[in-house]
N, C-alpha and C. Protein backbone atom coordinates (compact mmCIF):
# COMPACT_ATOMS: atom_id res chain seq x y z
N MET A 1 105.15 119.57 156.17
CA MET A 1 104.89 119.52 155.36
C MET A 1 104.73 118.36 154.73
N LEU A 2 106.47 117.70 155.12
CA LEU A 2 107.60 115.79 153.61
C LEU A 2 105.85 115.43 154.16
N THR A 3 104.75 115.79 156.06
CA THR A 3 104.00 114.04 155.95
C THR A 3 103.41 114.56 153.99
N LYS A 4 102.93 116.25 153.76
CA LYS A 4 101.63 116.34 152.92
C LYS A 4 102.09 115.36 152.22
N ILE A 5 102.95 116.00 151.62
CA ILE A 5 103.75 115.69 149.98
C ILE A 5 103.48 113.87 150.39
N ALA A 6 104.17 113.10 150.94
CA ALA A 6 104.27 111.40 151.27
C ALA A 6 102.91 111.05 151.31
N THR A 7 101.98 111.32 151.98
CA THR A 7 100.50 111.58 151.71
C THR A 7 100.30 111.84 150.95
N MET A 8 100.11 112.70 149.70
CA MET A 8 99.74 112.88 148.50
C MET A 8 100.23 112.45 147.17
N HIS A 9 101.10 111.71 147.44
CA HIS A 9 101.75 110.33 146.54
C HIS A 9 101.76 109.84 147.06
N ARG A 10 101.10 108.87 147.50
CA ARG A 10 100.93 107.88 148.03
C ARG A 10 99.37 107.75 147.70
N MET A 11 98.72 108.65 148.06
CA MET A 11 96.82 108.59 146.80
C MET A 11 97.37 108.80 145.01
N VAL A 12 98.46 109.77 144.90
CA VAL A 12 98.04 109.47 143.21
C VAL A 12 98.52 108.02 142.99
N VAL A 13 99.16 107.09 144.28
CA VAL A 13 99.89 105.84 143.42
C VAL A 13 98.46 105.48 143.48
N THR A 14 97.73 105.32 144.30
CA THR A 14 96.57 103.89 144.50
C THR A 14 95.96 104.93 143.54
N VAL A 15 95.16 105.89 143.09
CA VAL A 15 94.46 105.59 141.88
C VAL A 15 95.13 105.94 140.94
N ALA A 16 96.22 105.70 140.55
CA ALA A 16 96.76 105.46 138.95
C ALA A 16 96.86 103.45 139.03
N LEU A 17 96.67 102.83 140.44
CA LEU A 17 96.95 101.51 140.52
C LEU A 17 95.39 101.04 139.93
N PHE A 18 94.74 101.77 140.97
CA PHE A 18 93.26 101.55 140.20
C PHE A 18 93.26 101.30 138.76
N VAL A 19 93.20 102.67 138.82
CA VAL A 19 93.25 102.75 137.62
C VAL A 19 93.14 102.23 136.58
N CYS A 20 94.85 101.87 136.63
CA CYS A 20 95.03 101.21 135.22
C CYS A 20 94.60 98.80 135.91
N GLY A 21 94.12 99.25 136.73
CA GLY A 21 93.26 97.82 137.78
C GLY A 21 92.16 97.08 137.19
N VAL A 22 91.68 98.72 136.63
CA VAL A 22 89.91 98.81 135.87
C VAL A 22 90.30 98.59 135.05
N PHE A 23 91.06 99.41 133.89
CA PHE A 23 91.04 98.94 133.29
C PHE A 23 91.03 97.77 132.10
N GLY A 24 92.01 96.85 132.98
CA GLY A 24 92.67 96.30 132.98
C GLY A 24 91.71 95.04 133.05
N PHE A 25 91.03 95.10 134.10
CA PHE A 25 89.58 94.22 134.26
C PHE A 25 88.98 94.03 133.54
N PHE A 26 88.61 95.19 132.85
CA PHE A 26 87.36 95.93 132.07
C PHE A 26 87.39 96.27 130.45
N GLY A 27 89.18 95.80 130.04
CA GLY A 27 89.23 95.78 128.88
C GLY A 27 88.26 95.77 127.68
N ALA A 28 89.46 95.20 126.87
CA ALA A 28 88.61 95.07 125.46
C ALA A 28 88.06 93.80 125.45
N PRO A 29 87.07 92.90 124.78
CA PRO A 29 86.77 91.96 124.57
C PRO A 29 86.88 90.91 124.24
N ALA A 30 87.07 90.09 124.48
CA ALA A 30 87.52 88.32 123.74
C ALA A 30 87.43 88.41 122.79
N GLN A 31 87.81 88.45 121.91
CA GLN A 31 87.63 87.82 120.32
C GLN A 31 86.32 86.50 120.35
N SER A 32 85.94 86.32 119.20
CA SER A 32 85.04 84.97 119.48
C SER A 32 86.02 84.26 118.51
N GLN A 33 86.13 82.61 118.47
CA GLN A 33 87.07 81.88 118.92
C GLN A 33 87.05 81.43 116.80
N GLU A 34 85.82 81.52 116.03
CA GLU A 34 85.54 81.56 115.29
C GLU A 34 86.07 82.52 113.74
N ALA A 35 86.42 83.60 114.09
CA ALA A 35 87.48 84.17 113.16
C ALA A 35 88.22 84.26 113.47
N PRO A 36 89.19 84.11 112.23
CA PRO A 36 90.93 84.36 112.63
C PRO A 36 91.78 84.93 112.69
N SER A 37 92.79 85.23 113.43
CA SER A 37 92.82 86.45 114.10
C SER A 37 93.83 87.27 112.79
N ALA A 38 94.36 88.44 112.88
CA ALA A 38 94.56 89.47 112.01
C ALA A 38 95.85 89.12 111.81
N TYR A 39 97.24 88.76 112.78
CA TYR A 39 97.85 88.01 111.91
C TYR A 39 98.01 86.51 111.57
N SER A 40 97.11 85.79 111.65
CA SER A 40 97.47 84.21 110.75
C SER A 40 96.42 84.69 110.05
N LYS A 41 95.58 86.01 109.40
CA LYS A 41 95.26 86.30 108.28
C LYS A 41 96.51 86.30 107.46
N PHE A 42 97.65 87.65 108.28
CA PHE A 42 98.76 87.83 106.70
C PHE A 42 99.41 86.85 107.00
N THR A 43 99.88 86.14 107.73
CA THR A 43 101.01 85.29 107.64
C THR A 43 100.28 84.00 107.17
N ALA A 44 99.60 84.18 106.23
CA ALA A 44 98.90 83.08 105.28
C ALA A 44 99.68 82.89 104.36
N GLY A 45 100.35 84.00 102.64
CA GLY A 45 100.63 83.59 102.09
C GLY A 45 102.04 83.88 101.90
N ALA A 46 102.08 84.24 103.34
CA ALA A 46 104.15 84.77 103.15
C ALA A 46 105.47 83.78 103.72
N THR A 47 106.80 84.09 103.53
CA THR A 47 107.66 82.98 103.41
C THR A 47 108.15 83.51 105.00
N ALA A 48 108.54 83.36 106.16
CA ALA A 48 109.14 83.27 106.97
C ALA A 48 110.57 82.92 106.85
N GLN A 49 111.46 84.29 107.22
CA GLN A 49 112.50 83.96 107.75
C GLN A 49 113.27 84.48 109.07
N ARG A 50 113.26 83.15 109.72
CA ARG A 50 113.41 83.12 110.90
C ARG A 50 114.37 83.02 111.13
N GLY A 51 114.85 84.07 112.11
CA GLY A 51 115.92 84.00 112.99
C GLY A 51 115.24 85.29 114.39
N LEU A 52 116.49 85.95 115.03
CA LEU A 52 116.64 87.08 115.71
C LEU A 52 115.33 87.67 115.90
N PHE A 53 114.48 88.22 115.36
CA PHE A 53 113.16 89.00 114.54
C PHE A 53 112.62 87.87 113.27
N THR A 54 111.89 87.53 113.63
CA THR A 54 111.49 86.83 112.05
C THR A 54 110.78 87.53 111.21
N ILE A 55 111.41 87.94 109.73
CA ILE A 55 111.20 88.06 108.17
C ILE A 55 110.68 87.67 107.46
N TRP A 56 108.96 88.28 106.98
CA TRP A 56 107.95 87.94 106.49
C TRP A 56 108.51 88.73 104.94
N ASN A 57 108.23 87.89 104.22
CA ASN A 57 108.37 88.31 102.36
C ASN A 57 106.57 87.92 101.56
N LYS A 58 106.71 88.60 101.23
CA LYS A 58 105.01 88.98 100.70
C LYS A 58 104.45 89.37 99.83
N ASP A 59 104.15 89.41 98.82
CA ASP A 59 103.78 90.08 97.71
C ASP A 59 104.68 91.02 97.13
N GLY A 60 106.46 90.80 97.06
CA GLY A 60 107.67 91.20 97.05
C GLY A 60 108.31 92.44 97.95
N LYS A 61 106.99 92.14 98.92
CA LYS A 61 107.81 93.52 100.26
C LYS A 61 108.25 91.92 101.30
N ILE A 62 108.68 93.46 101.69
CA ILE A 62 109.90 92.84 103.32
C ILE A 62 108.82 93.33 104.30
N TYR A 63 108.43 92.27 105.95
CA TYR A 63 108.02 93.47 106.52
C TYR A 63 108.55 92.48 108.07
N LEU A 64 108.80 93.39 109.08
CA LEU A 64 109.64 93.01 109.52
C LEU A 64 108.56 92.63 111.44
């Protein structure tokens, strides 16, 4: 009985790793180099307060 459980566990782990590998390889397509990223658009007019976490001030609001 223990060998059945070990075999089943090994099979489940193998399938899970395969699925993760497939999604990692065929994930979201790369963005074109022409368009600026959303992060650079957001931080364009913001003031950064550097520290352990950067705090962004923009339009009277505070963002982490």
